[in-house]
């Protein structure tokens, strides 16, 4: 990530910590169940929304050369996809190998019939289409499938973005996608054990429902590129889209009505905008530790959930809150250490592949 935008480093570091705490809390069944429906329970559940931040920042940084004045040509799919895969796959594939070994050692999952299907699902980025993928210690790997979907759609997205403009394309897409996804969610509530339930669950993890987040990131990149010293990372139309949706959500809450699925997305985007505005974000985003965590976040994201699951076996007799704090400390330290090793291994793999070309 560019050092010239310290706010992004700060926000990304916060998002990674939030996702870590989400998986830590949700992985402790008695604790999760005891606080379900409480304020604390909701907080830990909603920390998963750090992935919204990752989506916005992914498109923000990716779009920078392609938006605003003198944009780069729209890349061809055949040229763009290999470059993106070369950035994503070395870390990811090494992490998948570590999970296969770790599961074999800790859980005795050694039969090919048990470990091969999920491994192939990971390698071919199919986790977003399998409900089984979310019932394991690699549930977080769905995000890689979403990134690949976004990568494959990138030339088309750029073409439409330039054709219609940031505001029109984003607002129209959002006004179609969010209500349509909500309709699928309601179908799932009405038929939880049927096709509706499956589609409602999986819709959260695939590109159609998440496309507005990526488009908003592109819109922010265009605004920032035009004016890096701007006070807010949104203009009036984008502010109305984000904060207007938050207002709608709040009004529904006051009247005791159903909260739409996209309300949490809107609130997360609002927090992103406010954090970007704070001088504290710019100040802290230049600190060495924050810069390190921002750069290490991808590797930590890939390893933290398996690490927490393996440590959980060792502290199985602990009380829930004792387990929480123990796993928080040990899990973070080991995730950082393994993430550092993963970074070095990915760099080695990339260097070897590059040297052969």
Protein backbone atom coordinates (compact mmCIF):
# COMPACT_ATOMS: atom_id res chain seq x y z
CA UNK A 1 0.00 0.00 0.00
CA UNK A 2 1.15 3.51 -0.79
CA UNK A 3 2.71 5.34 2.14
CA UNK A 4 1.14 8.56 0.84
CA UNK A 5 -2.26 7.54 2.24
CA UNK A 6 -1.56 6.81 5.92
CA UNK A 7 -5.28 6.75 6.77
CA UNK A 8 -5.67 3.56 4.77
CA UNK A 9 -2.89 1.87 6.72
CA UNK A 10 -4.53 2.78 10.02
CA UNK A 11 -8.01 1.65 8.94
CA UNK A 12 -6.72 -1.58 7.45
CA UNK A 13 -4.83 -2.42 10.64
CA UNK A 14 -7.99 -1.83 12.68
CA UNK A 15 -10.01 -4.03 10.31
CA UNK A 16 -7.53 -6.90 10.67
CA UNK A 17 -7.64 -6.71 14.47
CA UNK A 18 -11.45 -6.69 14.30
CA UNK A 19 -11.60 -9.77 12.08
CA UNK A 20 -9.18 -11.58 14.39
CA UNK A 21 -11.35 -10.81 17.44
CA UNK A 22 -14.48 -11.87 15.55
CA UNK A 23 -13.12 -15.31 14.75
CA UNK A 24 -11.67 -15.65 18.25
CA UNK A 25 -15.01 -14.93 19.97
CA UNK A 26 -17.15 -16.88 17.52
CA UNK A 27 -14.85 -19.88 17.80
CA UNK A 28 -15.55 -20.27 21.53
CA UNK A 29 -18.99 -21.88 21.47
CA UNK A 30 -20.05 -21.38 25.10
CA UNK A 31 -19.05 -17.73 24.98
CA UNK A 32 -20.75 -17.13 21.63
CA UNK A 33 -23.96 -18.80 22.78
CA UNK A 34 -24.03 -17.09 26.17
CA UNK A 35 -23.87 -13.62 24.64
CA UNK A 36 -26.01 -14.22 21.55
CA UNK A 37 -28.50 -11.40 21.18
CA UNK A 38 -26.68 -9.10 23.62
CA UNK A 39 -24.79 -5.90 22.80
CA UNK A 40 -21.45 -7.61 23.35
CA UNK A 41 -22.48 -10.49 21.12
CA UNK A 42 -23.55 -8.12 18.35
CA UNK A 43 -20.26 -6.23 18.59
CA UNK A 44 -18.16 -9.35 18.12
CA UNK A 45 -20.37 -10.54 15.27
CA UNK A 46 -20.15 -7.19 13.50
CA UNK A 47 -16.36 -7.08 13.75
CA UNK A 48 -16.48 -9.42 10.74
CA UNK A 49 -17.50 -6.34 8.75
CA UNK A 50 -13.81 -5.50 8.55
CA UNK A 51 -14.01 -7.40 5.28
CA UNK A 52 -16.12 -4.52 3.92
CA UNK A 53 -13.14 -2.29 4.64
CA UNK A 54 -10.87 -4.74 2.83
CA UNK A 55 -13.18 -4.67 -0.20
CA UNK A 56 -13.28 -0.87 -0.32
CA UNK A 57 -9.52 -0.59 0.05
CA UNK A 58 -8.82 -3.30 -2.54
CA UNK A 59 -10.75 -1.45 -5.22
CA UNK A 60 -9.48 1.94 -3.99
CA UNK A 61 -5.86 0.99 -4.55
CA UNK A 62 -6.47 -1.11 -7.64
CA UNK A 63 -8.48 1.64 -9.33
CA UNK A 64 -6.00 4.44 -8.71
CA UNK A 65 -4.20 4.22 -12.09
CA UNK A 66 -7.46 3.68 -13.99
CA UNK A 67 -9.64 6.56 -12.76
CA UNK A 68 -9.49 10.33 -12.82
CA UNK A 69 -7.40 12.35 -15.25
CA UNK A 70 -5.14 10.54 -17.72
CA UNK A 71 -6.30 7.05 -16.73
CA UNK A 72 -4.38 3.97 -17.81
CA UNK A 73 -5.98 1.88 -20.58
CA UNK A 74 -8.46 -0.75 -19.49
CA UNK A 75 -6.40 -3.94 -19.15
CA UNK A 76 -7.12 -7.08 -21.10
CA UNK A 77 -8.37 -9.97 -19.02
CA UNK A 78 -5.60 -12.26 -20.24
CA UNK A 79 -2.94 -9.80 -19.07
CA UNK A 80 -4.59 -8.64 -15.85
CA UNK A 81 -5.63 -11.94 -14.27
CA UNK A 82 -2.14 -13.56 -14.24
CA UNK A 83 -0.70 -10.46 -12.58
CA UNK A 84 -3.36 -10.51 -9.86
CA UNK A 85 -2.93 -14.24 -9.32
CA UNK A 86 0.82 -13.78 -8.95
CA UNK A 87 0.12 -11.43 -6.04
CA UNK A 88 -2.60 -13.47 -4.35
CA UNK A 89 -1.66 -17.10 -4.92
CA UNK A 90 1.84 -17.52 -3.42
CA UNK A 91 0.64 -16.58 0.06
CA UNK A 92 -2.67 -18.35 -0.34
CA UNK A 93 -1.42 -21.65 -1.69
CA UNK A 94 1.32 -21.92 0.94
CA UNK A 95 -1.32 -21.18 3.60
CA UNK A 96 -3.55 -23.95 2.21
CA UNK A 97 -0.64 -26.39 2.41
CA UNK A 98 -0.04 -25.39 6.03
CA UNK A 99 -3.71 -26.01 6.83
CA UNK A 100 -3.63 -29.48 5.27
CA UNK A 101 -0.57 -30.37 7.38
CA UNK A 102 -1.98 -28.73 10.51
CA UNK A 103 -5.33 -30.51 10.22
CA UNK A 104 -3.55 -33.83 9.70
CA UNK A 105 -1.43 -33.35 12.83
CA UNK A 106 -4.02 -31.82 15.15
CA UNK A 107 -7.29 -33.37 13.96
CA UNK A 108 -5.92 -36.53 12.30
CA UNK A 109 -7.55 -35.60 8.99
CA UNK A 110 -5.41 -37.80 6.76
CA UNK A 111 -7.90 -39.57 4.50
CA UNK A 112 -7.90 -38.04 0.98
CA UNK A 113 -11.68 -38.23 1.01
CA UNK A 114 -11.71 -35.84 3.95
CA UNK A 115 -8.98 -33.31 3.13
CA UNK A 116 -8.88 -33.32 -0.67
CA UNK A 117 -12.35 -31.84 -1.44
CA UNK A 118 -11.88 -28.75 0.76
CA UNK A 119 -8.29 -28.38 -0.47
CA UNK A 120 -9.44 -28.37 -4.10
CA UNK A 121 -12.19 -25.93 -3.17
CA UNK A 122 -9.55 -23.59 -1.77
CA UNK A 123 -7.16 -23.97 -4.68
CA UNK A 124 -9.83 -23.24 -7.29
CA UNK A 125 -11.46 -20.44 -5.25
CA UNK A 126 -14.81 -22.24 -4.93
CA UNK A 127 -15.41 -21.69 -1.22
CA UNK A 128 -18.00 -18.97 -1.87
CA UNK A 129 -20.24 -21.59 -3.51
CA UNK A 130 -20.04 -24.28 -0.78
CA UNK A 131 -21.87 -24.01 2.53
CA UNK A 132 -19.49 -26.63 3.93
CA UNK A 133 -16.62 -24.19 3.54
CA UNK A 134 -17.99 -22.06 6.36
CA UNK A 135 -18.04 -24.91 8.87
CA UNK A 136 -14.30 -25.29 9.21
CA UNK A 137 -11.19 -23.48 10.40
CA UNK A 138 -10.74 -22.00 6.91
CA UNK A 139 -14.09 -20.21 6.66
CA UNK A 140 -12.21 -16.94 6.12
CA UNK A 141 -10.88 -18.23 2.78
CA UNK A 142 -14.19 -17.33 1.12
CA UNK A 143 -12.76 -13.83 0.70
CA UNK A 144 -10.18 -15.11 -1.79
CA UNK A 145 -13.01 -16.45 -3.94
CA UNK A 146 -14.65 -13.03 -3.85
CA UNK A 147 -11.39 -11.36 -4.87
CA UNK A 148 -11.06 -13.70 -7.85
CA UNK A 149 -14.61 -12.91 -8.93
CA UNK A 150 -13.79 -9.21 -8.72
CA UNK A 151 -10.56 -9.80 -10.65
CA UNK A 152 -12.37 -11.61 -13.48
CA UNK A 153 -14.96 -8.84 -13.67
CA UNK A 154 -12.46 -5.98 -13.44
CA UNK A 155 -12.19 -5.06 -17.16
CA UNK A 156 -15.99 -5.09 -17.48
CA UNK A 157 -16.40 -3.05 -14.30
CA UNK A 158 -13.91 -0.48 -15.54
CA UNK A 159 -15.66 -0.27 -18.90
CA UNK A 160 -19.04 0.42 -17.29
CA UNK A 161 -17.50 2.79 -14.78
CA UNK A 162 -16.04 4.95 -17.55
CA UNK A 163 -19.16 4.70 -19.68
CA UNK A 164 -21.63 5.86 -17.02
CA UNK A 165 -19.42 7.68 -14.53
CA UNK A 166 -18.76 6.95 -10.88
CA UNK A 167 -21.98 8.40 -9.45
CA UNK A 168 -24.47 6.95 -11.91
CA UNK A 169 -22.91 3.49 -12.13
CA UNK A 170 -22.44 3.13 -8.37
CA UNK A 171 -25.79 4.52 -7.27
CA UNK A 172 -27.85 2.61 -9.83
CA UNK A 173 -25.96 -0.63 -9.13
CA UNK A 174 -26.38 -0.19 -5.38
CA UNK A 175 -30.08 0.59 -5.67
CA UNK A 176 -30.56 -2.63 -7.64
CA UNK A 177 -28.15 -4.98 -5.85
CA UNK A 178 -28.86 -4.20 -2.20
CA UNK A 179 -32.66 -4.54 -2.41
CA UNK A 180 -32.34 -7.62 -4.63
CA UNK A 181 -30.01 -9.25 -2.12
CA UNK A 182 -32.40 -8.32 0.66
CA UNK A 183 -35.22 -10.03 -1.27
CA UNK A 184 -33.09 -13.19 -1.42
CA UNK A 185 -32.45 -12.91 2.31
CA UNK A 186 -36.18 -12.67 2.99
CA UNK A 187 -36.76 -15.70 0.78
CA UNK A 188 -34.22 -17.53 2.90
CA UNK A 189 -36.03 -16.58 6.09
CA UNK A 190 -39.27 -17.95 4.64
CA UNK A 191 -37.67 -21.19 3.43
CA UNK A 192 -34.52 -21.73 5.53
CA UNK A 193 -34.18 -25.42 4.68
CA UNK A 194 -34.67 -25.07 0.95
CA UNK A 195 -33.01 -23.39 -2.01
CA UNK A 196 -33.90 -19.97 -0.64
CA UNK A 197 -31.98 -20.60 2.56
CA UNK A 198 -28.89 -21.73 0.68
CA UNK A 199 -28.96 -18.80 -1.74
CA UNK A 200 -29.61 -16.34 1.07
CA UNK A 201 -26.56 -17.61 2.94
CA UNK A 202 -24.20 -17.76 -0.04
CA UNK A 203 -25.32 -14.42 -1.48
CA UNK A 204 -23.37 -12.65 1.25
CA UNK A 205 -20.10 -14.07 -0.02
CA UNK A 206 -20.32 -13.54 -3.78
CA UNK A 207 -19.67 -10.55 -6.00
CA UNK A 208 -23.18 -9.43 -6.98
CA UNK A 209 -24.06 -8.55 -3.38
CA UNK A 210 -20.62 -7.07 -2.66
CA UNK A 211 -20.15 -5.13 -5.90
CA UNK A 212 -21.32 -1.79 -4.41
CA UNK A 213 -18.50 -1.92 -1.87
CA UNK A 214 -15.92 -2.24 -4.63
CA UNK A 215 -17.55 0.51 -6.70
CA UNK A 216 -17.59 2.84 -3.71
CA UNK A 217 -13.87 2.19 -3.24
CA UNK A 218 -13.28 3.14 -6.88
CA UNK A 219 -15.35 6.29 -6.46
CA UNK A 220 -13.31 7.27 -3.39
CA UNK A 221 -10.07 6.65 -5.31
CA UNK A 222 -11.22 9.01 -8.07
CA UNK A 223 -12.08 11.70 -5.53
CA UNK A 224 -8.79 11.32 -3.69
CA UNK A 225 -6.76 11.30 -6.90
CA UNK A 226 -8.39 14.55 -8.00
CA UNK A 227 -7.74 16.18 -4.62
CA UNK A 228 -5.39 14.34 -2.22
CA UNK A 229 -5.81 17.08 0.39
CA UNK A 230 -9.60 16.92 0.40
CA UNK A 231 -11.16 17.02 3.86
CA UNK A 232 -13.64 14.21 3.20
CA UNK A 233 -13.17 11.09 1.07
CA UNK A 234 -16.75 11.44 -0.22
CA UNK A 235 -18.57 14.06 -2.29
CA UNK A 236 -22.24 14.96 -1.81
CA UNK A 237 -23.76 12.15 -3.94
CA UNK A 238 -21.60 9.48 -2.29
CA UNK A 239 -22.28 10.93 1.16
CA UNK A 240 -26.03 10.81 0.48
CA UNK A 241 -25.74 7.19 -0.65
CA UNK A 242 -23.86 6.05 2.45
CA UNK A 243 -25.33 8.23 5.19
CA UNK A 244 -28.78 8.22 3.63
CA UNK A 245 -28.83 4.44 3.85
CA UNK A 246 -27.73 4.70 7.48
CA UNK A 247 -30.59 7.14 8.08
CA UNK A 248 -33.06 4.73 6.51
CA UNK A 249 -31.73 1.93 8.69
CA UNK A 250 -32.06 4.06 11.82
CA UNK A 251 -35.62 5.05 10.92
CA UNK A 252 -36.58 1.40 10.49
CA UNK A 253 -35.04 0.66 13.87
CA UNK A 254 -37.03 3.43 15.57
CA UNK A 255 -40.26 2.01 14.16
CA UNK A 256 -39.32 -1.51 15.20
CA UNK A 257 -39.18 -2.73 11.61
CA UNK A 258 -36.91 -5.32 10.02
CA UNK A 259 -33.33 -4.19 9.49
CA UNK A 260 -32.22 -4.90 5.91
CA UNK A 261 -29.06 -6.86 5.31
CA UNK A 262 -27.27 -3.90 3.77
CA UNK A 263 -27.74 -1.67 6.82
CA UNK A 264 -24.61 -3.07 8.48
CA UNK A 265 -22.68 -2.51 5.25
CA UNK A 266 -23.79 1.14 5.16
CA UNK A 267 -22.82 1.71 8.80
CA UNK A 268 -19.40 0.18 8.15
CA UNK A 269 -18.89 2.47 5.16
CA UNK A 270 -19.92 5.44 7.31
CA UNK A 271 -17.35 4.47 9.94
CA UNK A 272 -14.73 4.17 7.19
CA UNK A 273 -15.51 7.70 5.98
CA UNK A 274 -15.36 9.13 9.50
CA UNK A 275 -12.11 7.35 10.33
CA UNK A 276 -10.55 8.62 7.11
CA UNK A 277 -11.48 12.15 8.17
CA UNK A 278 -9.95 11.95 11.67
CA UNK A 279 -6.48 13.54 12.05
CA UNK A 280 -5.71 10.63 14.38
CA UNK A 281 -5.93 8.22 11.44
CA UNK A 282 -3.38 10.15 9.44
CA UNK A 283 -1.07 10.50 12.44
CA UNK A 284 -1.23 6.87 13.54
CA UNK A 285 -1.16 5.63 9.96
CA UNK A 286 2.44 6.82 9.70
CA UNK A 287 3.65 4.91 12.75
CA UNK A 288 5.97 1.99 12.20
CA UNK A 289 3.82 -0.57 13.98
CA UNK A 290 0.68 0.39 12.07
CA UNK A 291 2.53 0.34 8.75
CA UNK A 292 3.84 -3.11 9.60
CA UNK A 293 0.41 -4.47 10.55
CA UNK A 294 -1.13 -3.00 7.41
CA UNK A 295 1.47 -4.73 5.26
CA UNK A 296 1.23 -7.99 7.20
CA UNK A 297 -2.58 -8.08 7.28
CA UNK A 298 -2.99 -10.34 4.24
CA UNK A 299 -0.70 -13.03 5.66
CA UNK A 300 -2.23 -12.75 9.14
CA UNK A 301 -5.71 -13.01 7.62
CA UNK A 302 -4.78 -16.29 5.95
CA UNK A 303 -3.28 -17.97 9.02
CA UNK A 304 -5.11 -16.60 12.06
CA UNK A 305 -8.24 -18.78 11.98
CA UNK A 306 -6.41 -22.12 11.66
CA UNK A 307 -3.97 -21.00 14.37
CA UNK A 308 -6.83 -20.19 16.76
CA UNK A 309 -8.48 -23.55 16.07
CA UNK A 310 -5.30 -25.51 16.82
CA UNK A 311 -4.63 -23.59 20.03
CA UNK A 312 -8.22 -24.16 21.09
CA UNK A 313 -7.49 -27.88 21.36
CA UNK A 314 -4.67 -27.19 23.80
CA UNK A 315 -6.82 -25.00 26.08
CA UNK A 316 -10.02 -27.01 25.81
CA UNK A 317 -10.40 -27.34 29.59
CA UNK A 318 -10.19 -23.58 30.23
CA UNK A 319 -13.24 -21.56 31.22
CA UNK A 320 -14.70 -19.54 28.31
CA UNK A 321 -13.32 -16.12 29.26
CA UNK A 322 -9.98 -17.59 30.35
CA UNK A 323 -9.82 -19.34 26.98
CA UNK A 324 -10.68 -16.07 25.23
CA UNK A 325 -7.83 -14.09 26.77
CA UNK A 326 -5.34 -16.94 26.44
CA UNK A 327 -6.16 -17.48 22.78
CA UNK A 328 -6.15 -13.73 22.20
CA UNK A 329 -2.55 -13.43 23.40
CA UNK A 330 -1.09 -16.69 22.10
CA UNK A 331 -3.20 -16.69 18.94
CA UNK A 332 -2.10 -13.21 17.96
CA UNK A 333 1.58 -13.89 18.64
CA UNK A 334 1.58 -17.15 16.68
CA UNK A 335 -0.49 -15.64 13.84
CA UNK A 336 2.05 -12.82 13.53
CA UNK A 337 4.97 -15.26 13.59
CA UNK A 338 3.38 -17.61 11.07
CA UNK A 339 2.27 -14.67 8.94
CA UNK A 340 5.87 -13.42 8.82
CA UNK A 341 7.03 -16.86 7.74
CA UNK A 342 4.27 -16.93 5.14
CA UNK A 343 5.39 -13.58 3.74
CA UNK A 344 8.97 -14.83 3.40
CA UNK A 345 7.87 -18.13 1.86
CA UNK A 346 5.65 -16.36 -0.67
CA UNK A 347 8.52 -14.04 -1.59
CA UNK A 348 10.77 -17.07 -2.09
CA UNK A 349 8.19 -18.83 -4.29
CA UNK A 350 7.66 -15.67 -6.34
CA UNK A 351 11.39 -15.22 -6.82
CA UNK A 352 11.79 -18.82 -7.98
CA UNK A 353 8.91 -18.53 -10.46
CA UNK A 354 10.18 -15.21 -11.76
CA UNK A 355 13.69 -16.55 -12.19
CA UNK A 356 12.42 -19.36 -14.44
CA UNK A 357 10.71 -16.96 -16.85
